[in-house]
Structures are given as C-alpha cells and as structure tokens.
C-alpha atoms as a PDB file:
ATOM      1  CA  MET A   1       0.000   0.001   0.001  1.00  0.00           C
ATOM      2  CA  ALA A   2       1.332   3.444  -0.874  1.00  0.00           C
ATOM      3  CA  ARG A   3       1.654   5.698   2.150  1.00  0.00           C
ATOM      4  CA  LYS A   4       1.789   9.455   2.377  1.00  0.00           C
ATOM      5  CA  VAL A   5       4.861  10.170   4.479  1.00  0.00           C
ATOM      6  CA  PHE A   6       6.259  13.275   6.141  1.00  0.00           C
ATOM      7  CA  PHE A   7      10.083  13.457   6.180  1.00  0.00           C
ATOM      8  CA  SER A   8      11.588  15.356   9.109  1.00  0.00           C
ATOM      9  CA  PHE A   9      15.266  16.363   8.862  1.00  0.00           C
ATOM     10  CA  HIS A  10      17.865  19.112   9.282  1.00  0.00           C
ATOM     11  CA  TYR A  11      17.789  20.847   5.921  1.00  0.00           C
ATOM     12  CA  ASP A  12      21.087  22.728   5.813  1.00  0.00           C
ATOM     13  CA  ARG A  13      23.343  19.877   6.843  1.00  0.00           C
ATOM     14  CA  ASP A  14      21.535  16.836   5.474  1.00  0.00           C
ATOM     15  CA  VAL A  15      19.529  17.767   2.395  1.00  0.00           C
ATOM     16  CA  HIS A  16      21.929  15.956   0.002  1.00  0.00           C
ATOM     17  CA  ARG A  17      21.663  12.756   2.032  1.00  0.00           C
ATOM     18  CA  VAL A  18      17.895  13.157   2.360  1.00  0.00           C
ATOM     19  CA  MET A  19      17.529  13.549  -1.404  1.00  0.00           C
ATOM     20  CA  GLN A  20      19.282  10.206  -1.889  1.00  0.00           C
ATOM     21  CA  VAL A  21      16.828   8.534   0.496  1.00  0.00           C
ATOM     22  CA  ARG A  22      13.810  10.238  -1.019  1.00  0.00           C
ATOM     23  CA  ASN A  23      14.847   9.556  -4.607  1.00  0.00           C
ATOM     24  CA  SER A  24      15.478   5.887  -3.884  1.00  0.00           C
ATOM     25  CA  TRP A  25      11.871   5.574  -2.775  1.00  0.00           C
ATOM     26  CA  ILE A  26      10.100   7.509  -5.509  1.00  0.00           C
ATOM     27  CA  PHE A  27      11.496   5.417  -8.288  1.00  0.00           C
ATOM     28  CA  ARG A  28       9.924   2.287  -6.859  1.00  0.00           C
ATOM     29  CA  PRO A  29       6.502   1.295  -8.148  1.00  0.00           C
ATOM     30  CA  GLU A  30       5.195   0.706  -4.610  1.00  0.00           C
ATOM     31  CA  GLY A  31       6.525   4.055  -3.302  1.00  0.00           C
ATOM     32  CA  GLU A  32       4.735   7.359  -3.404  1.00  0.00           C
ATOM     33  CA  ALA A  33       6.708  10.507  -2.702  1.00  0.00           C
ATOM     34  CA  SER A  34       5.392  12.959  -0.192  1.00  0.00           C
ATOM     35  CA  PRO A  35       5.724  16.636  -1.040  1.00  0.00           C
ATOM     36  CA  PHE A  36       9.315  17.776  -0.747  1.00  0.00           C
ATOM     37  CA  PHE A  37      10.061  21.272   0.370  1.00  0.00           C
ATOM     38  CA  ASP A  38      12.969  23.184  -1.034  1.00  0.00           C
ATOM     39  CA  LYS A  39      14.815  25.839   0.912  1.00  0.00           C
ATOM     40  CA  ALA A  40      13.638  28.755  -1.235  1.00  0.00           C
ATOM     41  CA  GLU A  41      10.030  27.878  -0.452  1.00  0.00           C
ATOM     42  CA  PHE A  42      10.937  27.357   3.202  1.00  0.00           C
ATOM     43  CA  GLU A  43      12.182  30.958   3.430  1.00  0.00           C
ATOM     44  CA  GLN A  44       8.777  32.129   2.155  1.00  0.00           C
ATOM     45  CA  VAL A  45       6.937  30.007   4.729  1.00  0.00           C
ATOM     46  CA  LYS A  46       8.737  31.774   7.566  1.00  0.00           C
ATOM     47  CA  LYS A  47       7.258  35.083   6.348  1.00  0.00           C
ATOM     48  CA  ARG A  48       3.583  34.017   6.117  1.00  0.00           C
ATOM     49  CA  ALA A  49       1.049  34.241   8.892  1.00  0.00           C
ATOM     50  CA  GLY A  50       1.417  31.191  11.108  1.00  0.00           C
ATOM     51  CA  GLY A  51       4.807  30.529   9.519  1.00  0.00           C
ATOM     52  CA  ILE A  52       6.592  27.261   9.978  1.00  0.00           C
ATOM     53  CA  GLU A  53       4.229  25.819  12.560  1.00  0.00           C
ATOM     54  CA  LYS A  54       1.243  26.206  10.233  1.00  0.00           C
ATOM     55  CA  TRP A  55       3.203  24.700   7.338  1.00  0.00           C
ATOM     56  CA  ILE A  56       4.129  21.678   9.460  1.00  0.00           C
ATOM     57  CA  GLU A  57       0.465  21.115  10.347  1.00  0.00           C
ATOM     58  CA  GLU A  58      -0.482  21.339   6.663  1.00  0.00           C
ATOM     59  CA  GLN A  59       2.226  18.846   5.692  1.00  0.00           C
ATOM     60  CA  LEU A  60       1.293  16.376   8.436  1.00  0.00           C
ATOM     61  CA  ALA A  61      -2.373  16.406   7.413  1.00  0.00           C
ATOM     62  CA  GLY A  62      -3.252  13.213   5.594  1.00  0.00           C
ATOM     63  CA  THR A  63       0.023  11.445   6.356  1.00  0.00           C
ATOM     64  CA  SER A  64       0.198   8.148   8.168  1.00  0.00           C
ATOM     65  CA  VAL A  65       3.920   8.086   9.050  1.00  0.00           C
ATOM     66  CA  THR A  66       6.672  10.539   9.954  1.00  0.00           C
ATOM     67  CA  VAL A  67      10.160   9.411   8.984  1.00  0.00           C
ATOM     68  CA  VAL A  68      12.870  11.202  10.934  1.00  0.00           C
ATOM     69  CA  LEU A  69      16.046  11.196   8.837  1.00  0.00           C
ATOM     70  CA  TYR A  70      18.823  12.127  11.213  1.00  0.00           C
ATOM     71  CA  GLY A  71      22.451  13.036  10.927  1.00  0.00           C
ATOM     72  CA  ALA A  72      25.073  14.697  13.110  1.00  0.00           C
ATOM     73  CA  GLU A  73      23.038  17.746  14.211  1.00  0.00           C
ATOM     74  CA  THR A  74      19.396  16.778  13.735  1.00  0.00           C
ATOM     75  CA  TYR A  75      18.837  16.044  17.441  1.00  0.00           C
ATOM     76  CA  HIS A  76      19.334  19.740  18.276  1.00  0.00           C
ATOM     77  CA  ARG A  77      16.948  21.169  15.661  1.00  0.00           C
ATOM     78  CA  PRO A  78      13.858  22.758  17.292  1.00  0.00           C
ATOM     79  CA  TRP A  79      11.580  22.277  14.275  1.00  0.00           C
ATOM     80  CA  VAL A  80      12.516  18.606  13.991  1.00  0.00           C
ATOM     81  CA  ARG A  81      11.593  18.240  17.666  1.00  0.00           C
ATOM     82  CA  HIS A  82       8.303  20.008  16.995  1.00  0.00           C
ATOM     83  CA  GLU A  83       7.553  17.694  14.058  1.00  0.00           C
ATOM     84  CA  ILE A  84       8.226  14.630  16.205  1.00  0.00           C
ATOM     85  CA  LYS A  85       6.067  15.950  19.050  1.00  0.00           C
ATOM     86  CA  ARG A  86       3.156  16.759  16.730  1.00  0.00           C
ATOM     87  CA  SER A  87       3.480  13.419  14.941  1.00  0.00           C
ATOM     88  CA  TYR A  88       3.248  11.608  18.276  1.00  0.00           C
ATOM     89  CA  GLU A  89       0.279  13.748  19.384  1.00  0.00           C
ATOM     90  CA  LEU A  90      -1.500  13.062  16.082  1.00  0.00           C
ATOM     91  CA  ARG A  91      -0.816   9.317  16.466  1.00  0.00           C
ATOM     92  CA  LYS A  92       1.245   9.057  13.300  1.00  0.00           C
ATOM     93  CA  GLY A  93       3.552   6.132  12.812  1.00  0.00           C
ATOM     94  CA  LEU A  94       7.101   7.148  13.638  1.00  0.00           C
ATOM     95  CA  LEU A  95      10.475   5.750  12.698  1.00  0.00           C
ATOM     96  CA  ALA A  96      14.002   7.100  12.686  1.00  0.00           C
ATOM     97  CA  ILE A  97      16.640   6.449  10.048  1.00  0.00           C
ATOM     98  CA  ASP A  98      20.297   7.266  10.677  1.00  0.00           C
ATOM     99  CA  ILE A  99      21.658   8.757   7.455  1.00  0.00           C
ATOM    100  CA  HIS A 100      25.165   9.758   8.563  1.00  0.00           C
ATOM    101  CA  ASN A 101      26.816   7.021   6.455  1.00  0.00           C
ATOM    102  CA  ILE A 102      25.215   8.180   3.210  1.00  0.00           C
ATOM    103  CA  LYS A 103      27.966   9.890   1.267  1.00  0.00           C
ATOM    104  CA  HIS A 104      27.552  13.606   0.559  1.00  0.00           C
ATOM    105  CA  PRO A 105      28.863  14.439  -2.962  1.00  0.00           C
ATOM    106  CA  GLN A 106      31.603  16.747  -1.636  1.00  0.00           C
ATOM    107  CA  ASN A 107      32.018  15.767   2.029  1.00  0.00           C
ATOM    108  CA  GLY A 108      31.570  11.989   2.113  1.00  0.00           C
ATOM    109  CA  ALA A 109      30.056  10.349   5.191  1.00  0.00           C
ATOM    110  CA  ASP A 110      29.353  12.401   8.322  1.00  0.00           C
ATOM    111  CA  VAL A 111      29.773  11.784  12.038  1.00  0.00           C
ATOM    112  CA  GLN A 112      26.944   9.956  13.753  1.00  0.00           C
ATOM    113  CA  GLY A 113      24.367  11.998  15.647  1.00  0.00           C
ATOM    114  CA  LEU A 114      21.857  11.211  18.373  1.00  0.00           C
ATOM    115  CA  ASN A 115      18.444   9.826  17.473  1.00  0.00           C
ATOM    116  CA  PRO A 116      16.034  12.780  17.892  1.00  0.00           C
ATOM    117  CA  LEU A 117      13.324  10.420  19.180  1.00  0.00           C
ATOM    118  CA  SER A 118      15.435   9.986  22.321  1.00  0.00           C
ATOM    119  CA  TYR A 119      14.757  13.644  23.235  1.00  0.00           C
ATOM    120  CA  PHE A 120      11.164  12.798  24.237  1.00  0.00           C
ATOM    121  CA  ASN A 121       9.784  10.604  27.011  1.00  0.00           C
ATOM    122  CA  VAL A 122       6.288   9.234  27.470  1.00  0.00           C
ATOM    123  CA  ASN A 123       5.658   8.033  31.019  1.00  0.00           C
ATOM    124  CA  GLN A 124       9.436   8.087  31.532  1.00  0.00           C
ATOM    125  CA  THR A 125      10.000   5.895  28.469  1.00  0.00           C
ATOM    126  CA  PRO A 126      12.101   7.431  25.671  1.00  0.00           C
ATOM    127  CA  LEU A 127      10.382   7.491  22.270  1.00  0.00           C
ATOM    128  CA  ASN A 128      13.425   5.878  20.664  1.00  0.00           C
ATOM    129  CA  THR A 129      12.642   2.710  22.649  1.00  0.00           C
ATOM    130  CA  MET A 130       8.994   2.801  21.557  1.00  0.00           C
ATOM    131  CA  TYR A 131       9.623   3.230  17.815  1.00  0.00           C
ATOM    132  CA  ARG A 132      11.990   1.486  15.418  1.00  0.00           C
ATOM    133  CA  GLN A 133      15.232   2.993  14.235  1.00  0.00           C
ATOM    134  CA  TYR A 134      17.355   1.926  11.313  1.00  0.00           C
ATOM    135  CA  ASN A 135      20.639   2.755   9.660  1.00  0.00           C
ATOM    136  CA  TRP A 136      20.156   3.561   5.975  1.00  0.00           C
ATOM    137  CA  VAL A 137      23.431   1.981   4.882  1.00  0.00           C
ATOM    138  CA  THR A 138      23.890  -1.042   7.158  1.00  0.00           C
ATOM    139  CA  ASP A 139      20.171  -1.971   7.226  1.00  0.00           C
ATOM    140  CA  ASN A 140      19.863  -1.611   3.419  1.00  0.00           C
ATOM    141  CA  GLY A 141      17.366   1.233   3.412  1.00  0.00           C
ATOM    142  CA  TYR A 142      17.114   1.189  -0.360  1.00  0.00           C
ATOM    143  CA  ALA A 143      15.548  -2.266  -0.289  1.00  0.00           C
ATOM    144  CA  ASN A 144      13.698  -1.924   3.020  1.00  0.00           C
ATOM    145  CA  ILE A 145      12.268   1.583   3.446  1.00  0.00           C
ATOM    146  CA  SER A 146       8.836   0.605   2.135  1.00  0.00           C
ATOM    147  CA  SER A 147       8.510  -2.222   4.654  1.00  0.00           C
ATOM    148  CA  TRP A 148       9.787   0.010   7.482  1.00  0.00           C
ATOM    149  CA  ILE A 149       7.140   2.613   6.668  1.00  0.00           C
ATOM    150  CA  GLU A 150       4.407   0.007   6.405  1.00  0.00           C
ATOM    151  CA  ALA A 151       5.408  -1.488   9.766  1.00  0.00           C
ATOM    152  CA  ALA A 152       5.376   1.961  11.409  1.00  0.00           C
ATOM    153  CA  ALA A 153       1.877   2.655  10.050  1.00  0.00           C
ATOM    154  CA  ASN A 154       0.575  -0.756  11.124  1.00  0.00           C
ATOM    155  CA  ALA A 155       2.039  -0.321  14.619  1.00  0.00           C
ATOM    156  CA  VAL A 156      -0.294   2.617  15.227  1.00  0.00           C
ATOM    157  CA  GLY A 157      -3.281   1.130  13.405  1.00  0.00           C
ATOM    158  CA  ARG A 158      -3.089   3.202  10.215  1.00  0.00           C
END
C-alpha cells in the first residue's frame, strides 16, 4: 500500500543525504513521494502568517507516518523536535533512520548523531525505545524503506 509520508530532517546539513533517500523511494513502483520542500520555499513560509508551525500542520495532514532522517546535528533542531512531538500527538507512525553514512557528494560520510526520538519521554519511556530505528546503509534502506514505513503505520493502526 502506498503511504503518504512526512520526512523530518535538518535541511542545511543533510539535504543531500535526504535527497538520496527520497529519490530511492520515488522510483519504486510501490513508493509514493510525499511533497518535498525546497529551501527557497521554506524561506517564504517563515514570512507568512502562522509561519513554519502552520506549514508543518499542513504537511502532516493526511500522512500516516513521519520518517525522521537524522544526521550529526538533527537532534538539536527545534523544528525537527516540533515535528516529532506533533506526529506523536496526532498518532502518526514514527520511525528514525540514521543517514550519517550516506555519502555527501563533496564531504563523504558524516559523524553519527543522536536519534532525535530519544529527546522525548512518554511516562518516563524514551520514544526511541517505543519506535523502530534503522541505519540507511547497514540496514539496506534502499531495499527496506517501504517495509519500514508500512510497519510503522501498522504499529499505530493506520
């Protein structure tokens, strides 16, 4: 089943890695790409009434899963944290994918960062222990992302 997915990530540092993940999925017959936001449009969003928070709500509407693509600095990004919090509150499926080993065209692989799901606790239980996490390279994300997304949706009854 094709799923509408929201990708949460640190744009400035990880967009090249994220594009590799996203493009690997869209070229598959069973994959359906969610809207992808480029930085120029993002700058315009910050200027509109409601700004980024309103845009996030619009993007989450109609999705069944939020995929957190994280690298070296994603854990510290306030909007990524907001997207995770809202996804949990809206009962979206959640999963985290470590993308630090995906090679950037100029910089190669990056240093590993913390899983942003570990920032949040529910009844003293960290979210990263409640939801699956994967490594794009070592867990063969190219072949497995569709099943990871489907499992995350099924886990929350979507």
